[in-house]
């Protein structure tokens, strides 16, 4: 998190193969809201910020895949 950001933890998840993920509701400086997804694999971190429209599209794709592969 950088100066001027406000973050609220939504979810922490353990993933297969010793990986983890977190989802945070982040308000950026200026008031823009994003969903911050952080993936961790040992010492490597990947952070992705999604606006509400992109987060919706991403969620729909994840859900469709999960339903097809249960």
N, C-alpha and C. Protein backbone atom coordinates (compact mmCIF):
# COMPACT_ATOMS: atom_id res chain seq x y z
N UNK A 1 0.86 -1.18 0.00
CA UNK A 1 0.00 0.00 0.00
C UNK A 1 0.90 1.24 0.00
N UNK A 2 0.51 2.22 -0.77
CA UNK A 2 1.30 3.44 -0.83
C UNK A 2 0.60 4.55 -0.06
N UNK A 3 1.32 5.64 0.15
CA UNK A 3 0.78 6.77 0.88
C UNK A 3 -0.45 7.30 0.16
N UNK A 4 -1.50 7.60 0.91
CA UNK A 4 -2.72 8.13 0.34
C UNK A 4 -3.74 7.06 -0.03
N UNK A 5 -3.41 5.78 0.18
CA UNK A 5 -4.34 4.69 -0.09
C UNK A 5 -4.97 4.21 1.21
N UNK A 6 -6.21 3.76 1.10
CA UNK A 6 -6.92 3.15 2.22
C UNK A 6 -7.35 1.78 1.75
N UNK A 7 -6.97 0.72 2.49
CA UNK A 7 -7.27 -0.64 2.06
C UNK A 7 -8.01 -1.40 3.15
N UNK A 8 -9.01 -2.18 2.72
CA UNK A 8 -9.77 -3.05 3.61
C UNK A 8 -9.63 -4.48 3.09
N UNK A 9 -9.14 -5.38 3.92
CA UNK A 9 -8.97 -6.78 3.54
C UNK A 9 -10.34 -7.42 3.33
N UNK A 10 -10.51 -8.05 2.18
CA UNK A 10 -11.75 -8.77 1.88
C UNK A 10 -11.57 -10.26 2.14
N UNK A 11 -10.45 -10.81 1.64
CA UNK A 11 -10.26 -12.27 1.73
C UNK A 11 -8.79 -12.62 1.60
N UNK A 12 -8.36 -13.60 2.40
CA UNK A 12 -7.04 -14.21 2.25
C UNK A 12 -7.27 -15.68 1.93
N UNK A 13 -6.53 -16.20 0.95
CA UNK A 13 -6.73 -17.59 0.54
C UNK A 13 -5.40 -18.30 0.38
N UNK A 14 -5.35 -19.54 0.85
CA UNK A 14 -4.22 -20.41 0.55
C UNK A 14 -4.54 -21.08 -0.78
N UNK A 15 -3.57 -21.10 -1.68
CA UNK A 15 -3.75 -21.70 -3.00
C UNK A 15 -2.88 -22.94 -3.11
N UNK A 16 -3.16 -23.77 -4.11
CA UNK A 16 -2.32 -24.96 -4.30
C UNK A 16 -0.86 -24.58 -4.55
N UNK A 17 0.04 -25.53 -4.28
CA UNK A 17 1.46 -25.40 -4.55
C UNK A 17 2.13 -24.28 -3.74
N UNK A 18 1.73 -24.15 -2.49
CA UNK A 18 2.33 -23.19 -1.55
C UNK A 18 2.24 -21.75 -2.03
N UNK A 19 1.12 -21.40 -2.62
CA UNK A 19 0.86 -20.03 -3.07
C UNK A 19 -0.26 -19.46 -2.23
N UNK A 20 -0.40 -18.13 -2.26
CA UNK A 20 -1.50 -17.49 -1.53
C UNK A 20 -2.00 -16.29 -2.32
N UNK A 21 -3.20 -15.86 -1.97
CA UNK A 21 -3.80 -14.70 -2.63
C UNK A 21 -4.56 -13.88 -1.61
N UNK A 22 -4.59 -12.57 -1.82
CA UNK A 22 -5.42 -11.69 -1.01
C UNK A 22 -6.24 -10.79 -1.94
N UNK A 23 -7.41 -10.45 -1.46
CA UNK A 23 -8.26 -9.47 -2.14
C UNK A 23 -8.48 -8.32 -1.18
N UNK A 24 -8.29 -7.10 -1.68
CA UNK A 24 -8.49 -5.91 -0.85
C UNK A 24 -9.34 -4.89 -1.60
N UNK A 25 -10.18 -4.21 -0.85
CA UNK A 25 -10.94 -3.06 -1.36
C UNK A 25 -10.07 -1.84 -1.08
N UNK A 26 -9.57 -1.23 -2.16
CA UNK A 26 -8.61 -0.12 -2.01
C UNK A 26 -9.21 1.16 -2.56
N UNK A 27 -9.12 2.22 -1.78
CA UNK A 27 -9.46 3.56 -2.23
C UNK A 27 -8.16 4.29 -2.48
N UNK A 28 -7.93 4.63 -3.74
CA UNK A 28 -6.70 5.32 -4.12
C UNK A 28 -6.81 6.80 -3.80
N UNK A 29 -5.67 7.46 -3.79
CA UNK A 29 -5.64 8.91 -3.61
C UNK A 29 -6.53 9.54 -4.68
N UNK A 30 -7.45 10.37 -4.30
CA UNK A 30 -8.40 10.98 -5.24
C UNK A 30 -9.75 10.30 -5.21
N UNK A 31 -9.87 9.17 -4.51
CA UNK A 31 -11.16 8.53 -4.32
C UNK A 31 -11.50 7.37 -5.24
N UNK A 32 -10.64 7.05 -6.20
CA UNK A 32 -10.93 5.93 -7.09
C UNK A 32 -10.86 4.62 -6.32
N UNK A 33 -11.88 3.76 -6.53
CA UNK A 33 -11.94 2.46 -5.85
C UNK A 33 -11.49 1.37 -6.80
N UNK A 34 -10.65 0.46 -6.29
CA UNK A 34 -10.19 -0.69 -7.06
C UNK A 34 -10.21 -1.93 -6.18
N UNK A 35 -10.29 -3.08 -6.84
CA UNK A 35 -10.10 -4.36 -6.17
C UNK A 35 -8.65 -4.75 -6.40
N UNK A 36 -7.87 -4.86 -5.33
CA UNK A 36 -6.46 -5.23 -5.46
C UNK A 36 -6.31 -6.72 -5.18
N UNK A 37 -5.84 -7.42 -6.18
CA UNK A 37 -5.55 -8.85 -6.03
C UNK A 37 -4.04 -8.98 -5.92
N UNK A 38 -3.58 -9.65 -4.86
CA UNK A 38 -2.15 -9.89 -4.66
C UNK A 38 -1.93 -11.39 -4.59
N UNK A 39 -1.04 -11.87 -5.46
CA UNK A 39 -0.69 -13.28 -5.50
C UNK A 39 0.75 -13.41 -5.02
N UNK A 40 0.97 -14.39 -4.15
CA UNK A 40 2.31 -14.60 -3.61
C UNK A 40 2.76 -16.02 -3.89
N UNK A 41 3.97 -16.13 -4.39
CA UNK A 41 4.62 -17.42 -4.60
C UNK A 41 6.03 -17.31 -4.05
N UNK A 42 6.22 -17.84 -2.86
CA UNK A 42 7.46 -17.70 -2.11
C UNK A 42 7.80 -16.21 -1.95
N UNK A 43 8.85 -15.71 -2.55
CA UNK A 43 9.24 -14.31 -2.39
C UNK A 43 8.68 -13.41 -3.49
N UNK A 44 8.01 -14.00 -4.45
CA UNK A 44 7.51 -13.24 -5.60
C UNK A 44 6.07 -12.77 -5.34
N UNK A 45 5.82 -11.50 -5.59
CA UNK A 45 4.49 -10.92 -5.43
C UNK A 45 4.02 -10.36 -6.77
N UNK A 46 2.75 -10.57 -7.08
CA UNK A 46 2.12 -9.95 -8.25
C UNK A 46 0.87 -9.24 -7.76
N UNK A 47 0.79 -7.93 -8.01
CA UNK A 47 -0.38 -7.13 -7.61
C UNK A 47 -1.10 -6.64 -8.85
N UNK A 48 -2.43 -6.81 -8.85
CA UNK A 48 -3.25 -6.37 -9.97
C UNK A 48 -4.41 -5.56 -9.40
N UNK A 49 -4.61 -4.35 -9.89
CA UNK A 49 -5.74 -3.50 -9.49
C UNK A 49 -6.80 -3.54 -10.58
N UNK A 50 -8.05 -3.83 -10.19
CA UNK A 50 -9.16 -3.89 -11.13
C UNK A 50 -10.21 -2.85 -10.79
N UNK A 51 -10.69 -2.14 -11.81
CA UNK A 51 -11.82 -1.24 -11.61
C UNK A 51 -13.09 -2.11 -11.50
N UNK A 52 -14.21 -1.55 -11.03
CA UNK A 52 -15.42 -2.35 -10.82
C UNK A 52 -15.90 -3.09 -12.07
N UNK A 53 -15.86 -2.47 -13.25
CA UNK A 53 -16.32 -3.15 -14.46
C UNK A 53 -15.43 -4.33 -14.83
N UNK A 54 -14.13 -4.14 -14.74
CA UNK A 54 -13.20 -5.22 -15.06
C UNK A 54 -13.31 -6.33 -14.02
N UNK A 55 -13.47 -5.99 -12.76
CA UNK A 55 -13.63 -7.00 -11.70
C UNK A 55 -14.89 -7.84 -11.96
N UNK A 56 -15.95 -7.21 -12.41
CA UNK A 56 -17.19 -7.94 -12.72
C UNK A 56 -16.95 -8.93 -13.86
N UNK A 57 -16.31 -8.47 -14.92
CA UNK A 57 -16.02 -9.33 -16.07
C UNK A 57 -15.12 -10.50 -15.66
N UNK A 58 -14.11 -10.21 -14.86
CA UNK A 58 -13.18 -11.23 -14.36
C UNK A 58 -13.93 -12.26 -13.52
N UNK A 59 -14.78 -11.78 -12.61
CA UNK A 59 -15.54 -12.67 -11.72
C UNK A 59 -16.49 -13.57 -12.52
N UNK A 60 -17.13 -13.03 -13.52
CA UNK A 60 -18.04 -13.82 -14.35
C UNK A 60 -17.29 -14.92 -15.08
N UNK A 61 -16.11 -14.62 -15.58
CA UNK A 61 -15.30 -15.62 -16.28
C UNK A 61 -14.83 -16.71 -15.32
N UNK A 62 -14.39 -16.32 -14.12
CA UNK A 62 -13.98 -17.31 -13.11
C UNK A 62 -15.14 -18.22 -12.72
N UNK A 63 -16.30 -17.64 -12.50
CA UNK A 63 -17.47 -18.42 -12.10
C UNK A 63 -17.89 -19.38 -13.21
N UNK A 64 -17.90 -18.92 -14.45
CA UNK A 64 -18.27 -19.79 -15.57
C UNK A 64 -17.31 -20.97 -15.67
N UNK A 65 -16.00 -20.70 -15.54
CA UNK A 65 -15.02 -21.78 -15.59
C UNK A 65 -15.23 -22.76 -14.44
N UNK A 66 -15.45 -22.25 -13.23
CA UNK A 66 -15.63 -23.11 -12.06
C UNK A 66 -16.86 -23.99 -12.20
N UNK A 67 -17.95 -23.43 -12.70
CA UNK A 67 -19.19 -24.20 -12.90
C UNK A 67 -18.98 -25.32 -13.92
N UNK A 68 -18.24 -25.05 -14.97
CA UNK A 68 -17.99 -26.04 -16.01
C UNK A 68 -17.04 -27.15 -15.56
N UNK A 69 -16.24 -26.88 -14.55
CA UNK A 69 -15.18 -27.82 -14.17
C UNK A 69 -15.34 -28.40 -12.76
N UNK A 70 -16.53 -28.36 -12.22
CA UNK A 70 -16.76 -28.94 -10.89
C UNK A 70 -16.61 -30.45 -10.94
